[in-house]
């Protein structure tokens, strides 16, 4: 019986609490709403905080409280993991209050929200690019900030993701046996990210794609395209003479040399 009474009391308290909150939402006492928004935020009740702030902010737009309310609003969205709204709110804060004590952090958090929305490499990287631009802006705007090192580390992580995205896209054409497109995509990836950890593999795939493209070309185009494959061979062995791909590379060279009727001189 005692447990049952206890449960009933809890439900009654919750019901009363919900009723009080509904009354608060309908209230015209915006000063009370402002105070309760801060209270709810401190208690981790971010949804309630956000609902109240949506009513309060327009009323305090041109007041001394506007700055702190907007800062609370941006952080509330962030705590709710609504990074789109949080990023927009932090950006708006930094633009509206450029001399605030929170402006530096707001500028960093604008970039960080884009970072949090950056997806795995296989997907569209719009947020990755946006985050890199925003972190770069932060470094230029606040070169002495203690967050500059964090920004640099995050930029490196994001750039690595772009490298991986480029590698995946370039390799896709090869996997699809679209060798002409593969040569272009692989070449672009190497130009965009010359220091990629996938450089050796990309260069091999470019060589093999050039060879296979030549091999499957019409007769009148083969001479020129096998010559291109030969050039790719020399570029590869010059840079990676001890490559794990060397056996395959030498076989490509032998077939290419035989077609071009040149003496085989594998290095």
C-alpha atoms as a PDB file:
ATOM      1  CA  UNK A   1       0.000   0.000   0.000  1.00  0.00           C
ATOM      2  CA  UNK A   2       2.812   2.404   0.864  1.00  0.00           C
ATOM      3  CA  UNK A   3       4.441   1.909  -2.555  1.00  0.00           C
ATOM      4  CA  UNK A   4       1.145   2.589  -4.270  1.00  0.00           C
ATOM      5  CA  UNK A   5       0.670   5.807  -2.332  1.00  0.00           C
ATOM      6  CA  UNK A   6       4.222   6.817  -3.145  1.00  0.00           C
ATOM      7  CA  UNK A   7       3.646   6.300  -6.861  1.00  0.00           C
ATOM      8  CA  UNK A   8       0.400   8.274  -6.736  1.00  0.00           C
ATOM      9  CA  UNK A   9       2.168  11.144  -4.986  1.00  0.00           C
ATOM     10  CA  UNK A  10       4.917  11.197  -7.630  1.00  0.00           C
ATOM     11  CA  UNK A  11       2.357  11.246 -10.437  1.00  0.00           C
ATOM     12  CA  UNK A  12       0.498  14.037  -8.691  1.00  0.00           C
ATOM     13  CA  UNK A  13       3.686  16.108  -8.381  1.00  0.00           C
ATOM     14  CA  UNK A  14       4.540  15.519 -12.044  1.00  0.00           C
ATOM     15  CA  UNK A  15       1.043  16.506 -13.111  1.00  0.00           C
ATOM     16  CA  UNK A  16       1.220  19.676 -11.035  1.00  0.00           C
ATOM     17  CA  UNK A  17       4.641  20.467 -12.481  1.00  0.00           C
ATOM     18  CA  UNK A  18       3.373  20.042 -16.038  1.00  0.00           C
ATOM     19  CA  UNK A  19       0.385  22.201 -15.228  1.00  0.00           C
ATOM     20  CA  UNK A  20       2.602  24.946 -13.837  1.00  0.00           C
ATOM     21  CA  UNK A  21       4.792  24.833 -16.949  1.00  0.00           C
ATOM     22  CA  UNK A  22       1.778  25.091 -19.250  1.00  0.00           C
ATOM     23  CA  UNK A  23       0.612  28.114 -17.272  1.00  0.00           C
ATOM     24  CA  UNK A  24       4.075  29.603 -17.580  1.00  0.00           C
ATOM     25  CA  UNK A  25       4.005  29.229 -21.359  1.00  0.00           C
ATOM     26  CA  UNK A  26       0.680  31.074 -21.514  1.00  0.00           C
ATOM     27  CA  UNK A  27       1.772  33.740 -19.045  1.00  0.00           C
ATOM     28  CA  UNK A  28       2.474  37.333 -20.064  1.00  0.00           C
ATOM     29  CA  UNK A  29       5.078  37.694 -17.306  1.00  0.00           C
ATOM     30  CA  UNK A  30       8.167  37.657 -19.534  1.00  0.00           C
ATOM     31  CA  UNK A  31      10.512  38.494 -16.690  1.00  0.00           C
ATOM     32  CA  UNK A  32       9.397  35.309 -14.933  1.00  0.00           C
ATOM     33  CA  UNK A  33       9.850  33.375 -18.191  1.00  0.00           C
ATOM     34  CA  UNK A  34      13.378  34.757 -18.535  1.00  0.00           C
ATOM     35  CA  UNK A  35      14.261  33.696 -14.999  1.00  0.00           C
ATOM     36  CA  UNK A  36      12.714  30.248 -15.434  1.00  0.00           C
ATOM     37  CA  UNK A  37      14.549  29.742 -18.750  1.00  0.00           C
ATOM     38  CA  UNK A  38      17.862  30.141 -16.936  1.00  0.00           C
ATOM     39  CA  UNK A  39      16.654  27.902 -14.136  1.00  0.00           C
ATOM     40  CA  UNK A  40      15.549  25.169 -16.532  1.00  0.00           C
ATOM     41  CA  UNK A  41      18.871  25.405 -18.390  1.00  0.00           C
ATOM     42  CA  UNK A  42      20.831  24.987 -15.157  1.00  0.00           C
ATOM     43  CA  UNK A  43      18.723  21.908 -14.405  1.00  0.00           C
ATOM     44  CA  UNK A  44      19.439  20.429 -17.847  1.00  0.00           C
ATOM     45  CA  UNK A  45      15.841  20.871 -19.044  1.00  0.00           C
ATOM     46  CA  UNK A  46      16.848  22.147 -22.460  1.00  0.00           C
ATOM     47  CA  UNK A  47      13.579  21.604 -24.326  1.00  0.00           C
ATOM     48  CA  UNK A  48      11.684  23.713 -21.803  1.00  0.00           C
ATOM     49  CA  UNK A  49      14.460  26.299 -21.894  1.00  0.00           C
ATOM     50  CA  UNK A  50      14.251  26.500 -25.667  1.00  0.00           C
ATOM     51  CA  UNK A  51      10.484  26.864 -25.670  1.00  0.00           C
ATOM     52  CA  UNK A  52      10.627  29.713 -23.188  1.00  0.00           C
ATOM     53  CA  UNK A  53      13.477  31.461 -24.990  1.00  0.00           C
ATOM     54  CA  UNK A  54      11.554  31.393 -28.269  1.00  0.00           C
ATOM     55  CA  UNK A  55       8.946  33.561 -26.486  1.00  0.00           C
ATOM     56  CA  UNK A  56      11.364  35.681 -24.492  1.00  0.00           C
ATOM     57  CA  UNK A  57      14.009  36.644 -27.053  1.00  0.00           C
ATOM     58  CA  UNK A  58      11.819  38.920 -29.202  1.00  0.00           C
ATOM     59  CA  UNK A  59      10.777  40.849 -26.085  1.00  0.00           C
ATOM     60  CA  UNK A  60      14.372  41.476 -24.976  1.00  0.00           C
ATOM     61  CA  UNK A  61      15.908  42.112 -28.397  1.00  0.00           C
ATOM     62  CA  UNK A  62      16.940  45.702 -27.728  1.00  0.00           C
ATOM     63  CA  UNK A  63      17.646  45.369 -24.021  1.00  0.00           C
ATOM     64  CA  UNK A  64      20.713  44.796 -21.876  1.00  0.00           C
ATOM     65  CA  UNK A  65      19.629  41.191 -21.345  1.00  0.00           C
ATOM     66  CA  UNK A  66      19.631  40.360 -25.079  1.00  0.00           C
ATOM     67  CA  UNK A  67      23.311  39.398 -25.121  1.00  0.00           C
ATOM     68  CA  UNK A  68      23.117  36.793 -22.374  1.00  0.00           C
ATOM     69  CA  UNK A  69      19.782  35.454 -23.593  1.00  0.00           C
ATOM     70  CA  UNK A  70      21.175  34.865 -27.072  1.00  0.00           C
ATOM     71  CA  UNK A  71      24.216  33.171 -25.580  1.00  0.00           C
ATOM     72  CA  UNK A  72      21.935  30.959 -23.489  1.00  0.00           C
ATOM     73  CA  UNK A  73      19.875  30.172 -26.582  1.00  0.00           C
ATOM     74  CA  UNK A  74      22.899  29.077 -28.634  1.00  0.00           C
ATOM     75  CA  UNK A  75      24.205  26.875 -25.824  1.00  0.00           C
ATOM     76  CA  UNK A  76      20.766  25.399 -25.285  1.00  0.00           C
ATOM     77  CA  UNK A  77      20.583  24.235 -28.905  1.00  0.00           C
ATOM     78  CA  UNK A  78      24.086  22.819 -28.587  1.00  0.00           C
ATOM     79  CA  UNK A  79      23.182  20.869 -25.451  1.00  0.00           C
ATOM     80  CA  UNK A  80      20.157  19.502 -27.338  1.00  0.00           C
ATOM     81  CA  UNK A  81      22.573  18.370 -30.085  1.00  0.00           C
ATOM     82  CA  UNK A  82      20.675  20.423 -32.620  1.00  0.00           C
ATOM     83  CA  UNK A  83      23.888  21.471 -34.336  1.00  0.00           C
ATOM     84  CA  UNK A  84      22.217  23.203 -37.274  1.00  0.00           C
ATOM     85  CA  UNK A  85      20.302  25.568 -35.000  1.00  0.00           C
ATOM     86  CA  UNK A  86      23.232  25.861 -32.586  1.00  0.00           C
ATOM     87  CA  UNK A  87      25.662  26.785 -35.362  1.00  0.00           C
ATOM     88  CA  UNK A  88      23.253  29.401 -36.684  1.00  0.00           C
ATOM     89  CA  UNK A  89      22.707  30.799 -33.184  1.00  0.00           C
ATOM     90  CA  UNK A  90      26.439  30.984 -32.401  1.00  0.00           C
ATOM     91  CA  UNK A  91      27.108  32.672 -35.756  1.00  0.00           C
ATOM     92  CA  UNK A  92      24.313  35.164 -35.160  1.00  0.00           C
ATOM     93  CA  UNK A  93      25.663  35.865 -31.679  1.00  0.00           C
ATOM     94  CA  UNK A  94      29.194  36.536 -32.935  1.00  0.00           C
ATOM     95  CA  UNK A  95      27.883  38.883 -35.629  1.00  0.00           C
ATOM     96  CA  UNK A  96      25.437  40.700 -33.362  1.00  0.00           C
ATOM     97  CA  UNK A  97      27.736  41.064 -30.337  1.00  0.00           C
ATOM     98  CA  UNK A  98      31.269  41.371 -31.807  1.00  0.00           C
ATOM     99  CA  UNK A  99      32.760  42.779 -28.591  1.00  0.00           C
ATOM    100  CA  UNK A 100      31.168  40.396 -26.109  1.00  0.00           C
ATOM    101  CA  UNK A 101      33.219  38.301 -23.720  1.00  0.00           C
ATOM    102  CA  UNK A 102      31.673  35.246 -25.438  1.00  0.00           C
ATOM    103  CA  UNK A 103      32.352  36.262 -29.048  1.00  0.00           C
ATOM    104  CA  UNK A 104      35.601  34.328 -29.378  1.00  0.00           C
ATOM    105  CA  UNK A 105      33.990  31.161 -28.065  1.00  0.00           C
ATOM    106  CA  UNK A 106      30.907  31.717 -30.236  1.00  0.00           C
ATOM    107  CA  UNK A 107      33.135  31.979 -33.315  1.00  0.00           C
ATOM    108  CA  UNK A 108      34.859  28.723 -32.391  1.00  0.00           C
ATOM    109  CA  UNK A 109      31.559  26.992 -31.670  1.00  0.00           C
ATOM    110  CA  UNK A 110      30.163  28.085 -35.034  1.00  0.00           C
ATOM    111  CA  UNK A 111      32.919  26.019 -36.650  1.00  0.00           C
ATOM    112  CA  UNK A 112      32.601  23.216 -34.126  1.00  0.00           C
ATOM    113  CA  UNK A 113      28.912  22.728 -34.885  1.00  0.00           C
ATOM    114  CA  UNK A 114      29.775  22.211 -38.571  1.00  0.00           C
ATOM    115  CA  UNK A 115      32.486  19.797 -37.431  1.00  0.00           C
ATOM    116  CA  UNK A 116      29.918  17.817 -35.452  1.00  0.00           C
ATOM    117  CA  UNK A 117      27.762  17.516 -38.588  1.00  0.00           C
ATOM    118  CA  UNK A 118      30.631  16.388 -40.808  1.00  0.00           C
ATOM    119  CA  UNK A 119      29.666  12.858 -41.936  1.00  0.00           C
ATOM    120  CA  UNK A 120      31.732   9.787 -42.758  1.00  0.00           C
ATOM    121  CA  UNK A 121      33.897  10.092 -45.898  1.00  0.00           C
ATOM    122  CA  UNK A 122      31.489   8.219 -48.185  1.00  0.00           C
ATOM    123  CA  UNK A 123      28.853  10.968 -47.861  1.00  0.00           C
ATOM    124  CA  UNK A 124      28.625  14.568 -49.060  1.00  0.00           C
ATOM    125  CA  UNK A 125      31.294  16.699 -47.388  1.00  0.00           C
ATOM    126  CA  UNK A 126      29.642  20.143 -47.495  1.00  0.00           C
ATOM    127  CA  UNK A 127      29.764  20.480 -43.709  1.00  0.00           C
ATOM    128  CA  UNK A 128      33.397  19.334 -43.711  1.00  0.00           C
ATOM    129  CA  UNK A 129      34.359  22.131 -46.094  1.00  0.00           C
ATOM    130  CA  UNK A 130      32.274  24.602 -44.106  1.00  0.00           C
ATOM    131  CA  UNK A 131      33.946  23.578 -40.839  1.00  0.00           C
ATOM    132  CA  UNK A 132      37.436  23.940 -42.324  1.00  0.00           C
ATOM    133  CA  UNK A 133      36.592  27.435 -43.578  1.00  0.00           C
ATOM    134  CA  UNK A 134      35.115  28.413 -40.208  1.00  0.00           C
ATOM    135  CA  UNK A 135      38.074  27.078 -38.191  1.00  0.00           C
ATOM    136  CA  UNK A 136      40.471  28.842 -40.580  1.00  0.00           C
ATOM    137  CA  UNK A 137      38.561  32.090 -40.057  1.00  0.00           C
ATOM    138  CA  UNK A 138      38.740  31.560 -36.291  1.00  0.00           C
ATOM    139  CA  UNK A 139      42.523  31.163 -36.415  1.00  0.00           C
ATOM    140  CA  UNK A 140      42.913  34.368 -38.411  1.00  0.00           C
ATOM    141  CA  UNK A 141      40.473  36.283 -36.225  1.00  0.00           C
ATOM    142  CA  UNK A 142      41.935  35.069 -32.904  1.00  0.00           C
ATOM    143  CA  UNK A 143      45.576  34.088 -33.559  1.00  0.00           C
ATOM    144  CA  UNK A 144      46.442  34.277 -29.844  1.00  0.00           C
ATOM    145  CA  UNK A 145      43.512  32.175 -28.658  1.00  0.00           C
ATOM    146  CA  UNK A 146      44.203  29.088 -26.567  1.00  0.00           C
ATOM    147  CA  UNK A 147      41.821  27.273 -28.930  1.00  0.00           C
ATOM    148  CA  UNK A 148      44.012  27.774 -32.008  1.00  0.00           C
ATOM    149  CA  UNK A 149      45.775  24.447 -31.444  1.00  0.00           C
ATOM    150  CA  UNK A 150      42.397  22.715 -31.152  1.00  0.00           C
ATOM    151  CA  UNK A 151      41.296  24.378 -34.385  1.00  0.00           C
ATOM    152  CA  UNK A 152      44.458  23.204 -36.152  1.00  0.00           C
ATOM    153  CA  UNK A 153      43.963  19.630 -34.947  1.00  0.00           C
ATOM    154  CA  UNK A 154      40.337  19.617 -36.055  1.00  0.00           C
ATOM    155  CA  UNK A 155      41.225  21.055 -39.464  1.00  0.00           C
ATOM    156  CA  UNK A 156      43.768  18.252 -39.904  1.00  0.00           C
ATOM    157  CA  UNK A 157      41.136  15.664 -39.001  1.00  0.00           C
ATOM    158  CA  UNK A 158      38.658  17.193 -41.449  1.00  0.00           C
ATOM    159  CA  UNK A 159      41.252  17.385 -44.214  1.00  0.00           C
ATOM    160  CA  UNK A 160      42.067  13.712 -43.687  1.00  0.00           C
ATOM    161  CA  UNK A 161      38.391  12.998 -44.237  1.00  0.00           C
ATOM    162  CA  UNK A 162      38.473  14.909 -47.536  1.00  0.00           C
ATOM    163  CA  UNK A 163      41.534  12.914 -48.578  1.00  0.00           C
ATOM    164  CA  UNK A 164      39.646   9.709 -47.825  1.00  0.00           C
ATOM    165  CA  UNK A 165      36.606  10.975 -49.740  1.00  0.00           C
ATOM    166  CA  UNK A 166      38.788  11.782 -52.749  1.00  0.00           C
ATOM    167  CA  UNK A 167      40.407   8.344 -52.578  1.00  0.00           C
ATOM    168  CA  UNK A 168      37.039   6.570 -52.395  1.00  0.00           C
ATOM    169  CA  UNK A 169      35.608   8.563 -55.316  1.00  0.00           C
ATOM    170  CA  UNK A 170      38.665   8.025 -57.497  1.00  0.00           C
ATOM    171  CA  UNK A 171      38.826   4.303 -56.765  1.00  0.00           C
ATOM    172  CA  UNK A 172      35.118   3.928 -57.529  1.00  0.00           C
ATOM    173  CA  UNK A 173      35.675   4.545 -61.261  1.00  0.00           C
ATOM    174  CA  UNK A 174      38.410   1.920 -61.265  1.00  0.00           C
ATOM    175  CA  UNK A 175      36.147  -0.594 -59.508  1.00  0.00           C
ATOM    176  CA  UNK A 176      33.423   0.134 -62.088  1.00  0.00           C
ATOM    177  CA  UNK A 177      35.976  -0.483 -64.877  1.00  0.00           C
ATOM    178  CA  UNK A 178      35.439   3.034 -66.186  1.00  0.00           C
ATOM    179  CA  UNK A 179      39.135   3.373 -66.895  1.00  0.00           C
ATOM    180  CA  UNK A 180      39.113   6.640 -68.795  1.00  0.00           C
ATOM    181  CA  UNK A 181      37.190   8.350 -66.003  1.00  0.00           C
ATOM    182  CA  UNK A 182      39.361   6.547 -63.451  1.00  0.00           C
ATOM    183  CA  UNK A 183      42.548   8.054 -64.890  1.00  0.00           C
ATOM    184  CA  UNK A 184      41.083  11.551 -64.602  1.00  0.00           C
ATOM    185  CA  UNK A 185      39.694  11.015 -61.095  1.00  0.00           C
ATOM    186  CA  UNK A 186      42.889   9.400 -59.810  1.00  0.00           C
ATOM    187  CA  UNK A 187      45.000  12.165 -61.309  1.00  0.00           C
ATOM    188  CA  UNK A 188      42.799  14.839 -59.721  1.00  0.00           C
ATOM    189  CA  UNK A 189      42.996  13.123 -56.329  1.00  0.00           C
ATOM    190  CA  UNK A 190      46.790  13.023 -56.524  1.00  0.00           C
ATOM    191  CA  UNK A 191      46.944  16.684 -57.514  1.00  0.00           C
ATOM    192  CA  UNK A 192      44.555  17.790 -54.787  1.00  0.00           C
ATOM    193  CA  UNK A 193      46.211  15.712 -52.060  1.00  0.00           C
ATOM    194  CA  UNK A 194      49.799  14.937 -53.131  1.00  0.00           C
ATOM    195  CA  UNK A 195      50.783  13.782 -49.634  1.00  0.00           C
ATOM    196  CA  UNK A 196      47.921  11.333 -49.173  1.00  0.00           C
ATOM    197  CA  UNK A 197      48.716   8.067 -47.417  1.00  0.00           C
ATOM    198  CA  UNK A 198      47.130   6.360 -50.431  1.00  0.00           C
ATOM    199  CA  UNK A 199      49.576   7.896 -52.901  1.00  0.00           C
ATOM    200  CA  UNK A 200      51.318   4.652 -53.875  1.00  0.00           C
ATOM    201  CA  UNK A 201      48.047   2.810 -54.441  1.00  0.00           C
ATOM    202  CA  UNK A 202      46.522   5.718 -56.356  1.00  0.00           C
ATOM    203  CA  UNK A 203      49.538   5.949 -58.633  1.00  0.00           C
ATOM    204  CA  UNK A 204      49.408   2.212 -59.278  1.00  0.00           C
ATOM    205  CA  UNK A 205      45.688   2.366 -60.049  1.00  0.00           C
ATOM    206  CA  UNK A 206      46.327   5.277 -62.397  1.00  0.00           C
ATOM    207  CA  UNK A 207      49.010   3.257 -64.179  1.00  0.00           C
ATOM    208  CA  UNK A 208      46.814   0.173 -64.423  1.00  0.00           C
ATOM    209  CA  UNK A 209      43.811   2.231 -65.553  1.00  0.00           C
ATOM    210  CA  UNK A 210      45.922   3.868 -68.264  1.00  0.00           C
ATOM    211  CA  UNK A 211      47.102   0.442 -69.415  1.00  0.00           C
ATOM    212  CA  UNK A 212      43.611  -1.109 -69.405  1.00  0.00           C
ATOM    213  CA  UNK A 213      42.178   1.942 -71.147  1.00  0.00           C
ATOM    214  CA  UNK A 214      44.792   1.559 -73.884  1.00  0.00           C
ATOM    215  CA  UNK A 215      44.251  -2.195 -74.099  1.00  0.00           C
ATOM    216  CA  UNK A 216      40.506  -1.759 -74.639  1.00  0.00           C
ATOM    217  CA  UNK A 217      40.784   1.157 -77.067  1.00  0.00           C
ATOM    218  CA  UNK A 218      40.155   1.061 -80.807  1.00  0.00           C
ATOM    219  CA  UNK A 219      43.265   0.196 -82.826  1.00  0.00           C
ATOM    220  CA  UNK A 220      43.972   3.714 -84.093  1.00  0.00           C
ATOM    221  CA  UNK A 221      44.052   5.079 -80.525  1.00  0.00           C
ATOM    222  CA  UNK A 222      46.168   2.374 -78.910  1.00  0.00           C
ATOM    223  CA  UNK A 223      49.622   3.647 -79.884  1.00  0.00           C
ATOM    224  CA  UNK A 224      49.105   6.988 -78.173  1.00  0.00           C
ATOM    225  CA  UNK A 225      47.399   5.477 -75.140  1.00  0.00           C
ATOM    226  CA  UNK A 226      49.989   2.773 -74.573  1.00  0.00           C
ATOM    227  CA  UNK A 227      52.627   5.498 -74.716  1.00  0.00           C
ATOM    228  CA  UNK A 228      50.741   7.308 -71.948  1.00  0.00           C
ATOM    229  CA  UNK A 229      50.692   4.078 -69.936  1.00  0.00           C
ATOM    230  CA  UNK A 230      54.444   3.773 -70.437  1.00  0.00           C
ATOM    231  CA  UNK A 231      54.935   7.288 -69.091  1.00  0.00           C
ATOM    232  CA  UNK A 232      52.864   6.359 -66.041  1.00  0.00           C
ATOM    233  CA  UNK A 233      55.064   3.293 -65.548  1.00  0.00           C
ATOM    234  CA  UNK A 234      58.251   5.363 -65.448  1.00  0.00           C
ATOM    235  CA  UNK A 235      56.667   7.852 -63.026  1.00  0.00           C
ATOM    236  CA  UNK A 236      55.619   5.034 -60.718  1.00  0.00           C
ATOM    237  CA  UNK A 237      58.914   3.095 -60.593  1.00  0.00           C
ATOM    238  CA  UNK A 238      60.870   6.305 -60.109  1.00  0.00           C
ATOM    239  CA  UNK A 239      58.880   7.146 -56.994  1.00  0.00           C
ATOM    240  CA  UNK A 240      58.268   3.621 -55.676  1.00  0.00           C
ATOM    241  CA  UNK A 241      61.072   1.350 -56.908  1.00  0.00           C
ATOM    242  CA  UNK A 242      60.493  -1.153 -54.080  1.00  0.00           C
ATOM    243  CA  UNK A 243      56.704  -1.153 -54.262  1.00  0.00           C
ATOM    244  CA  UNK A 244      54.583  -4.124 -53.251  1.00  0.00           C
ATOM    245  CA  UNK A 245      52.876  -3.598 -56.612  1.00  0.00           C
ATOM    246  CA  UNK A 246      56.147  -4.088 -58.491  1.00  0.00           C
ATOM    247  CA  UNK A 247      55.275  -7.510 -59.944  1.00  0.00           C
ATOM    248  CA  UNK A 248      52.028  -6.202 -61.454  1.00  0.00           C
ATOM    249  CA  UNK A 249      53.773  -3.032 -62.595  1.00  0.00           C
ATOM    250  CA  UNK A 250      56.460  -5.007 -64.438  1.00  0.00           C
ATOM    251  CA  UNK A 251      53.824  -7.142 -66.152  1.00  0.00           C
ATOM    252  CA  UNK A 252      52.100  -3.983 -67.353  1.00  0.00           C
ATOM    253  CA  UNK A 253      55.427  -2.718 -68.635  1.00  0.00           C
ATOM    254  CA  UNK A 254      56.135  -5.973 -70.515  1.00  0.00           C
ATOM    255  CA  UNK A 255      52.773  -5.906 -72.300  1.00  0.00           C
ATOM    256  CA  UNK A 256      53.121  -2.189 -73.053  1.00  0.00           C
ATOM    257  CA  UNK A 257      56.674  -2.570 -74.369  1.00  0.00           C
ATOM    258  CA  UNK A 258      55.625  -5.512 -76.509  1.00  0.00           C
ATOM    259  CA  UNK A 259      52.833  -3.503 -78.095  1.00  0.00           C
ATOM    260  CA  UNK A 260      55.072  -0.479 -78.681  1.00  0.00           C
ATOM    261  CA  UNK A 261      57.812  -2.764 -79.978  1.00  0.00           C
ATOM    262  CA  UNK A 262      60.476  -1.419 -77.695  1.00  0.00           C
ATOM    263  CA  UNK A 263      63.206  -3.314 -75.918  1.00  0.00           C
ATOM    264  CA  UNK A 264      62.202  -4.284 -72.387  1.00  0.00           C
ATOM    265  CA  UNK A 265      64.387  -2.643 -69.739  1.00  0.00           C
ATOM    266  CA  UNK A 266      62.549  -3.034 -66.457  1.00  0.00           C
ATOM    267  CA  UNK A 267      64.459  -1.233 -63.728  1.00  0.00           C
END
